[in-house]
Amino acid sequence: MVTVAKGLDIPIKFMFPKAIEGFSMLGLGDVVIPGAFIALALRFDYFIKSKKDEGPNSYFNATFASYPIALGVTIIIMYFFDAAQPALLYLVPGCLISLGIVAI
């Protein structure tokens, strides 16, 4: 999968420079899928707010705050292991756990 993504010169990946040489890669799907989940959390907040007429956007705020934290963990893991990592392995649980904590 990494060899295919490295060979493509179309805008489906983000390249982060490493400190010494080379680049780390993050696929566009690793941004779009959690982004859609965050958008659904915002939509759910608006639905709840329309029923109650009060309250903050707590589900959206939790998932929106957890995404950059999980993305930072992903980038740190990529640098630490010096290999490609499935970013959704870290992004999805980060967003789901934060949403679950707010739901409880």
N, C-alpha and C. Protein backbone atom coordinates (compact mmCIF):
# COMPACT_ATOMS: atom_id res chain seq x y z
N MET A 1 0.82 -1.19 0.00
CA MET A 1 0.00 0.00 0.00
C MET A 1 0.87 1.26 0.00
N VAL A 2 1.96 1.21 0.74
CA VAL A 2 2.85 2.37 0.80
C VAL A 2 3.54 2.58 -0.53
N THR A 3 3.95 1.50 -1.19
CA THR A 3 4.64 1.65 -2.47
C THR A 3 3.72 2.24 -3.53
N VAL A 4 2.45 1.89 -3.49
CA VAL A 4 1.49 2.47 -4.44
C VAL A 4 1.32 3.96 -4.16
N ALA A 5 1.16 4.32 -2.89
CA ALA A 5 0.94 5.73 -2.53
C ALA A 5 2.17 6.59 -2.83
N LYS A 6 3.36 6.03 -2.66
CA LYS A 6 4.57 6.79 -2.96
C LYS A 6 4.73 7.05 -4.45
N GLY A 7 4.23 6.15 -5.26
CA GLY A 7 4.37 6.28 -6.70
C GLY A 7 3.39 7.25 -7.34
N LEU A 8 2.35 7.61 -6.64
CA LEU A 8 1.35 8.51 -7.21
C LEU A 8 1.72 9.96 -6.97
N ASP A 9 1.57 10.78 -7.98
CA ASP A 9 1.84 12.21 -7.84
C ASP A 9 0.55 13.03 -7.90
N ILE A 10 -0.50 12.51 -7.29
CA ILE A 10 -1.76 13.24 -7.25
C ILE A 10 -2.05 13.61 -5.80
N PRO A 11 -2.91 14.58 -5.57
CA PRO A 11 -3.10 15.08 -4.20
C PRO A 11 -3.96 14.15 -3.33
N ILE A 12 -3.42 12.98 -2.98
CA ILE A 12 -4.13 12.07 -2.10
C ILE A 12 -3.35 11.80 -0.83
N LYS A 13 -2.28 12.54 -0.60
CA LYS A 13 -1.46 12.30 0.57
C LYS A 13 -0.85 13.61 1.06
N PHE A 14 -0.56 13.63 2.36
CA PHE A 14 0.16 14.75 2.96
C PHE A 14 1.54 14.24 3.31
N MET A 15 2.55 15.05 2.99
CA MET A 15 3.92 14.68 3.26
C MET A 15 4.48 15.58 4.36
N PHE A 16 4.95 14.97 5.46
CA PHE A 16 5.56 15.71 6.56
C PHE A 16 7.06 15.47 6.52
N PRO A 17 7.87 16.55 6.50
CA PRO A 17 9.32 16.34 6.46
C PRO A 17 9.83 15.78 7.78
N LYS A 18 10.78 14.86 7.67
CA LYS A 18 11.44 14.31 8.86
C LYS A 18 12.58 15.23 9.25
N ALA A 19 13.08 15.07 10.44
CA ALA A 19 14.14 15.94 10.93
C ALA A 19 15.44 15.74 10.16
N ILE A 20 15.76 14.51 9.81
CA ILE A 20 17.05 14.24 9.18
C ILE A 20 16.92 14.19 7.66
N GLU A 21 16.12 13.27 7.15
CA GLU A 21 15.96 13.16 5.70
C GLU A 21 14.64 12.46 5.40
N GLY A 22 14.13 12.71 4.25
CA GLY A 22 12.92 12.02 3.80
C GLY A 22 11.63 12.66 4.30
N PHE A 23 10.55 11.94 4.08
CA PHE A 23 9.23 12.42 4.45
C PHE A 23 8.42 11.31 5.09
N SER A 24 7.48 11.71 5.95
CA SER A 24 6.46 10.80 6.45
C SER A 24 5.18 11.12 5.71
N MET A 25 4.37 10.10 5.48
CA MET A 25 3.20 10.26 4.64
C MET A 25 1.93 10.02 5.45
N LEU A 26 0.92 10.84 5.19
CA LEU A 26 -0.41 10.67 5.79
C LEU A 26 -1.42 10.72 4.66
N GLY A 27 -2.21 9.67 4.51
CA GLY A 27 -3.17 9.58 3.42
C GLY A 27 -4.35 10.51 3.61
N LEU A 28 -4.96 10.88 2.51
CA LEU A 28 -6.10 11.78 2.56
C LEU A 28 -7.29 11.14 3.28
N GLY A 29 -7.44 9.83 3.17
CA GLY A 29 -8.51 9.13 3.87
C GLY A 29 -8.38 9.21 5.38
N ASP A 30 -7.15 9.36 5.86
CA ASP A 30 -6.91 9.51 7.30
C ASP A 30 -7.38 10.86 7.82
N VAL A 31 -7.67 11.77 6.94
CA VAL A 31 -8.19 13.07 7.32
C VAL A 31 -9.69 13.14 7.05
N VAL A 32 -10.13 12.57 5.95
CA VAL A 32 -11.53 12.69 5.52
C VAL A 32 -12.47 11.86 6.41
N ILE A 33 -12.10 10.63 6.72
CA ILE A 33 -13.00 9.76 7.50
C ILE A 33 -13.23 10.30 8.91
N PRO A 34 -12.18 10.66 9.68
CA PRO A 34 -12.46 11.26 10.98
C PRO A 34 -13.14 12.64 10.85
N GLY A 35 -12.85 13.37 9.78
CA GLY A 35 -13.53 14.65 9.55
C GLY A 35 -15.02 14.48 9.37
N ALA A 36 -15.41 13.43 8.66
CA ALA A 36 -16.84 13.14 8.49
C ALA A 36 -17.46 12.76 9.83
N PHE A 37 -16.73 12.03 10.65
CA PHE A 37 -17.22 11.66 11.98
C PHE A 37 -17.41 12.90 12.85
N ILE A 38 -16.48 13.83 12.79
CA ILE A 38 -16.58 15.07 13.56
C ILE A 38 -17.77 15.89 13.06
N ALA A 39 -17.98 15.91 11.75
CA ALA A 39 -19.14 16.62 11.19
C ALA A 39 -20.45 16.00 11.66
N LEU A 40 -20.50 14.67 11.76
CA LEU A 40 -21.69 14.01 12.27
C LEU A 40 -21.91 14.32 13.75
N ALA A 41 -20.83 14.46 14.51
CA ALA A 41 -20.97 14.84 15.92
C ALA A 41 -21.54 16.26 16.03
N LEU A 42 -21.11 17.16 15.15
CA LEU A 42 -21.66 18.52 15.15
C LEU A 42 -23.14 18.50 14.79
N ARG A 43 -23.49 17.70 13.81
CA ARG A 43 -24.90 17.58 13.41
C ARG A 43 -25.74 17.02 14.55
N PHE A 44 -25.21 16.04 15.28
CA PHE A 44 -25.93 15.49 16.42
C PHE A 44 -26.10 16.53 17.51
N ASP A 45 -25.08 17.35 17.74
CA ASP A 45 -25.20 18.44 18.73
C ASP A 45 -26.32 19.41 18.34
N TYR A 46 -26.40 19.77 17.06
CA TYR A 46 -27.47 20.66 16.62
C TYR A 46 -28.85 20.00 16.78
N PHE A 47 -28.92 18.69 16.54
CA PHE A 47 -30.17 17.98 16.72
C PHE A 47 -30.60 18.00 18.20
N ILE A 48 -29.66 17.73 19.10
CA ILE A 48 -29.96 17.76 20.53
C ILE A 48 -30.33 19.17 20.96
N LYS A 49 -29.63 20.16 20.44
CA LYS A 49 -29.91 21.55 20.81
C LYS A 49 -31.29 21.98 20.31
N SER A 50 -31.72 21.48 19.18
CA SER A 50 -33.05 21.84 18.67
C SER A 50 -34.16 21.24 19.53
N LYS A 51 -33.89 20.14 20.19
CA LYS A 51 -34.88 19.51 21.06
C LYS A 51 -34.94 20.17 22.43
N LYS A 52 -33.77 20.61 22.94
CA LYS A 52 -33.70 21.16 24.30
C LYS A 52 -33.64 22.68 24.35
N ASP A 53 -33.20 23.31 23.28
CA ASP A 53 -32.99 24.76 23.23
C ASP A 53 -31.97 25.25 24.26
N GLU A 54 -31.01 24.42 24.59
CA GLU A 54 -29.95 24.83 25.51
C GLU A 54 -28.77 23.88 25.39
N GLY A 55 -27.69 24.23 26.03
CA GLY A 55 -26.53 23.35 26.09
C GLY A 55 -25.48 23.66 25.04
N PRO A 56 -24.23 23.38 25.39
CA PRO A 56 -23.12 23.62 24.45
C PRO A 56 -22.99 22.47 23.45
N ASN A 57 -22.13 22.65 22.50
CA ASN A 57 -21.83 21.61 21.52
C ASN A 57 -20.78 20.67 22.09
N SER A 58 -21.16 19.86 23.05
CA SER A 58 -20.18 19.07 23.78
C SER A 58 -19.63 17.90 22.97
N TYR A 59 -20.44 17.22 22.17
CA TYR A 59 -19.93 16.10 21.37
C TYR A 59 -18.94 16.59 20.32
N PHE A 60 -19.30 17.67 19.66
CA PHE A 60 -18.40 18.24 18.66
C PHE A 60 -17.10 18.71 19.29
N ASN A 61 -17.19 19.43 20.40
CA ASN A 61 -15.99 19.95 21.05
C ASN A 61 -15.05 18.83 21.47
N ALA A 62 -15.62 17.74 21.99
CA ALA A 62 -14.78 16.62 22.43
C ALA A 62 -14.08 15.95 21.26
N THR A 63 -14.81 15.68 20.19
CA THR A 63 -14.18 15.02 19.04
C THR A 63 -13.23 15.95 18.30
N PHE A 64 -13.58 17.23 18.24
CA PHE A 64 -12.72 18.20 17.57
C PHE A 64 -11.40 18.37 18.33
N ALA A 65 -11.45 18.30 19.65
CA ALA A 65 -10.23 18.43 20.45
C ALA A 65 -9.40 17.15 20.43
N SER A 66 -10.06 16.01 20.32
CA SER A 66 -9.31 14.75 20.36
C SER A 66 -8.62 14.44 19.04
N TYR A 67 -9.11 14.97 17.93
CA TYR A 67 -8.51 14.66 16.64
C TYR A 67 -7.06 15.14 16.53
N PRO A 68 -6.74 16.41 16.86
CA PRO A 68 -5.32 16.79 16.75
C PRO A 68 -4.42 16.06 17.75
N ILE A 69 -4.98 15.68 18.89
CA ILE A 69 -4.18 14.91 19.85
C ILE A 69 -3.84 13.54 19.25
N ALA A 70 -4.85 12.88 18.69
CA ALA A 70 -4.62 11.57 18.07
C ALA A 70 -3.72 11.69 16.85
N LEU A 71 -3.84 12.77 16.09
CA LEU A 71 -2.97 12.98 14.95
C LEU A 71 -1.53 13.20 15.40
N GLY A 72 -1.35 13.92 16.50
CA GLY A 72 -0.01 14.10 17.07
C GLY A 72 0.60 12.78 17.52
N VAL A 73 -0.23 11.92 18.13
CA VAL A 73 0.25 10.59 18.53
C VAL A 73 0.65 9.80 17.29
N THR A 74 -0.13 9.90 16.23
CA THR A 74 0.20 9.20 14.98
C THR A 74 1.54 9.65 14.43
N ILE A 75 1.77 10.95 14.40
CA ILE A 75 3.03 11.48 13.86
C ILE A 75 4.21 11.08 14.74
N ILE A 76 4.01 11.10 16.06
CA ILE A 76 5.08 10.68 16.97
C ILE A 76 5.41 9.20 16.75
N ILE A 77 4.39 8.36 16.58
CA ILE A 77 4.62 6.94 16.33
C ILE A 77 5.34 6.74 14.99
N MET A 78 4.97 7.53 13.98
CA MET A 78 5.66 7.42 12.68
C MET A 78 7.13 7.76 12.83
N TYR A 79 7.46 8.79 13.59
CA TYR A 79 8.86 9.15 13.79
C TYR A 79 9.59 8.12 14.64
N PHE A 80 8.91 7.60 15.67
CA PHE A 80 9.55 6.66 16.58
C PHE A 80 9.89 5.35 15.89
N PHE A 81 8.96 4.79 15.13
CA PHE A 81 9.19 3.51 14.46
C PHE A 81 9.82 3.66 13.09
N ASP A 82 9.87 4.87 12.57
CA ASP A 82 10.47 5.16 11.26
C ASP A 82 9.88 4.27 10.17
N ALA A 83 8.57 4.11 10.22
CA ALA A 83 7.87 3.29 9.23
C ALA A 83 6.45 3.82 9.07
N ALA A 84 5.84 3.45 7.98
CA ALA A 84 4.46 3.87 7.74
C ALA A 84 3.54 3.21 8.77
N GLN A 85 2.58 3.97 9.25
CA GLN A 85 1.62 3.49 10.24
C GLN A 85 0.21 3.72 9.71
N PRO A 86 -0.71 2.82 10.02
CA PRO A 86 -2.11 3.08 9.67
C PRO A 86 -2.68 4.13 10.63
N ALA A 87 -2.81 5.34 10.15
CA ALA A 87 -3.20 6.45 11.02
C ALA A 87 -4.59 6.26 11.61
N LEU A 88 -5.48 5.61 10.88
CA LEU A 88 -6.82 5.40 11.41
C LEU A 88 -6.80 4.51 12.65
N LEU A 89 -5.73 3.74 12.83
CA LEU A 89 -5.58 2.92 14.02
C LEU A 89 -5.51 3.79 15.27
N TYR A 90 -5.04 5.02 15.15
CA TYR A 90 -4.92 5.93 16.28
C TYR A 90 -6.02 7.00 16.26
N LEU A 91 -6.43 7.42 15.09
CA LEU A 91 -7.41 8.51 14.98
C LEU A 91 -8.82 8.09 15.38
N VAL A 92 -9.26 6.95 14.90
CA VAL A 92 -10.63 6.52 15.17
C VAL A 92 -10.84 6.22 16.66
N PRO A 93 -9.96 5.45 17.32
CA PRO A 93 -10.18 5.25 18.75
C PRO A 93 -10.10 6.55 19.56
N GLY A 94 -9.23 7.46 19.15
CA GLY A 94 -9.15 8.74 19.86
C GLY A 94 -10.45 9.51 19.79
N CYS A 95 -11.05 9.55 18.61
CA CYS A 95 -12.34 10.26 18.46
C CYS A 95 -13.47 9.51 19.15
N LEU A 96 -13.49 8.19 19.03
CA LEU A 96 -14.57 7.41 19.64
C LEU A 96 -14.52 7.43 21.16
N ILE A 97 -13.34 7.36 21.73
CA ILE A 97 -13.20 7.38 23.18
C ILE A 97 -13.67 8.72 23.73
N SER A 98 -13.27 9.81 23.10
CA SER A 98 -13.70 11.13 23.58
C SER A 98 -15.22 11.29 23.47
N LEU A 99 -15.80 10.80 22.39
CA LEU A 99 -17.25 10.86 22.23
C LEU A 99 -17.94 9.98 23.27
N GLY A 100 -17.39 8.82 23.55
CA GLY A 100 -17.96 7.94 24.56
C GLY A 100 -17.90 8.53 25.95
N ILE A 101 -16.82 9.23 26.27
CA ILE A 101 -16.70 9.87 27.58
C ILE A 101 -17.75 10.95 27.75
N VAL A 102 -17.98 11.73 26.71
CA VAL A 102 -19.01 12.78 26.78
C VAL A 102 -20.40 12.16 26.89
N ALA A 103 -20.62 11.04 26.20
CA ALA A 103 -21.94 10.41 26.22
C ALA A 103 -22.28 9.83 27.60
N ILE A 104 -21.25 9.43 28.33
CA ILE A 104 -21.51 8.87 29.66
C ILE A 104 -21.86 10.00 30.59
